[in-house]
Amino acid sequence: MPESSDVVIVGGGAAGCSVAYHLALAGVKSIIVEGQGV
C-alpha cells in the first residue's frame, strides 16, 4: 500500500473504480480500500 495519497476511496465497485480513474486523469493520487477482493 502506498505511504501517502490525496484521497481514500472506500469501495472498489464500479463507482469507486470510476472515481479513482477520473482522479488519476486529473493527477490526484488515490487509494481504493475494499473489504472483499476487487
N, C-alpha and C. Protein backbone atom coordinates (compact mmCIF):
# COMPACT_ATOMS: atom_id res chain seq x y z
N MET A 1 0.84 -1.17 0.00
CA MET A 1 0.00 0.00 0.00
C MET A 1 0.89 1.24 0.00
N PRO A 2 0.54 2.23 -0.80
CA PRO A 2 1.34 3.46 -0.83
C PRO A 2 1.37 4.15 0.54
N GLU A 3 2.44 4.89 0.79
CA GLU A 3 2.58 5.58 2.08
C GLU A 3 1.70 6.81 2.19
N SER A 4 1.36 7.43 1.05
CA SER A 4 0.52 8.63 1.10
C SER A 4 -0.37 8.70 -0.13
N SER A 5 -1.46 9.43 0.02
CA SER A 5 -2.37 9.68 -1.10
C SER A 5 -3.12 10.97 -0.81
N ASP A 6 -3.77 11.49 -1.84
CA ASP A 6 -4.59 12.68 -1.68
C ASP A 6 -6.01 12.32 -1.26
N VAL A 7 -6.48 11.14 -1.72
CA VAL A 7 -7.86 10.72 -1.50
C VAL A 7 -7.89 9.23 -1.17
N VAL A 8 -8.76 8.84 -0.23
CA VAL A 8 -9.02 7.43 0.04
C VAL A 8 -10.45 7.15 -0.41
N ILE A 9 -10.61 6.16 -1.29
CA ILE A 9 -11.91 5.77 -1.81
C ILE A 9 -12.32 4.48 -1.12
N VAL A 10 -13.47 4.49 -0.46
CA VAL A 10 -13.97 3.31 0.23
C VAL A 10 -14.94 2.59 -0.70
N GLY A 11 -14.54 1.40 -1.14
CA GLY A 11 -15.37 0.61 -2.04
C GLY A 11 -14.77 0.56 -3.43
N GLY A 12 -14.54 -0.65 -3.91
CA GLY A 12 -13.91 -0.84 -5.21
C GLY A 12 -14.87 -1.31 -6.27
N GLY A 13 -16.13 -0.97 -6.12
CA GLY A 13 -17.11 -1.33 -7.15
C GLY A 13 -16.96 -0.42 -8.36
N ALA A 14 -17.97 -0.43 -9.21
CA ALA A 14 -17.92 0.36 -10.44
C ALA A 14 -17.74 1.85 -10.14
N ALA A 15 -18.46 2.35 -9.17
CA ALA A 15 -18.37 3.79 -8.85
C ALA A 15 -17.00 4.14 -8.28
N GLY A 16 -16.51 3.33 -7.34
CA GLY A 16 -15.21 3.61 -6.74
C GLY A 16 -14.08 3.56 -7.75
N CYS A 17 -14.11 2.59 -8.64
CA CYS A 17 -13.07 2.47 -9.67
C CYS A 17 -13.16 3.62 -10.67
N SER A 18 -14.38 4.03 -10.99
CA SER A 18 -14.57 5.16 -11.90
C SER A 18 -14.03 6.45 -11.29
N VAL A 19 -14.31 6.65 -10.01
CA VAL A 19 -13.79 7.84 -9.33
C VAL A 19 -12.27 7.82 -9.33
N ALA A 20 -11.67 6.68 -9.01
CA ALA A 20 -10.21 6.57 -8.99
C ALA A 20 -9.62 6.86 -10.37
N TYR A 21 -10.26 6.37 -11.41
CA TYR A 21 -9.80 6.60 -12.78
C TYR A 21 -9.81 8.09 -13.12
N HIS A 22 -10.91 8.75 -12.84
CA HIS A 22 -11.03 10.17 -13.19
C HIS A 22 -10.12 11.04 -12.32
N LEU A 23 -9.93 10.65 -11.07
CA LEU A 23 -8.98 11.38 -10.24
C LEU A 23 -7.56 11.23 -10.78
N ALA A 24 -7.21 10.03 -11.24
CA ALA A 24 -5.88 9.80 -11.80
C ALA A 24 -5.66 10.65 -13.05
N LEU A 25 -6.69 10.78 -13.87
CA LEU A 25 -6.58 11.64 -15.06
C LEU A 25 -6.31 13.09 -14.68
N ALA A 26 -6.83 13.49 -13.52
CA ALA A 26 -6.63 14.86 -13.03
C ALA A 26 -5.34 15.01 -12.22
N GLY A 27 -4.57 13.92 -12.10
CA GLY A 27 -3.30 13.98 -11.38
C GLY A 27 -3.41 13.83 -9.88
N VAL A 28 -4.55 13.32 -9.41
CA VAL A 28 -4.77 13.14 -7.97
C VAL A 28 -4.43 11.70 -7.59
N LYS A 29 -3.61 11.54 -6.55
CA LYS A 29 -3.25 10.20 -6.07
C LYS A 29 -4.37 9.68 -5.17
N SER A 30 -4.83 8.46 -5.46
CA SER A 30 -5.90 7.89 -4.64
C SER A 30 -5.60 6.44 -4.28
N ILE A 31 -6.24 5.98 -3.22
CA ILE A 31 -6.16 4.59 -2.78
C ILE A 31 -7.58 4.06 -2.68
N ILE A 32 -7.81 2.86 -3.21
CA ILE A 32 -9.11 2.21 -3.07
C ILE A 32 -9.00 1.20 -1.93
N VAL A 33 -9.91 1.30 -0.95
CA VAL A 33 -9.97 0.36 0.16
C VAL A 33 -11.22 -0.49 -0.04
N GLU A 34 -11.02 -1.80 -0.14
CA GLU A 34 -12.12 -2.73 -0.42
C GLU A 34 -12.10 -3.83 0.62
N GLY A 35 -13.25 -4.13 1.19
CA GLY A 35 -13.35 -5.18 2.19
C GLY A 35 -13.22 -6.57 1.60
N GLN A 36 -13.63 -6.74 0.36
CA GLN A 36 -13.53 -8.01 -0.34
C GLN A 36 -12.59 -7.82 -1.52
N GLY A 37 -12.33 -8.87 -2.27
CA GLY A 37 -11.44 -8.75 -3.43
C GLY A 37 -12.04 -7.88 -4.52
N VAL A 38 -11.17 -7.24 -5.27
CA VAL A 38 -11.62 -6.40 -6.39
C VAL A 38 -11.47 -7.19 -7.67
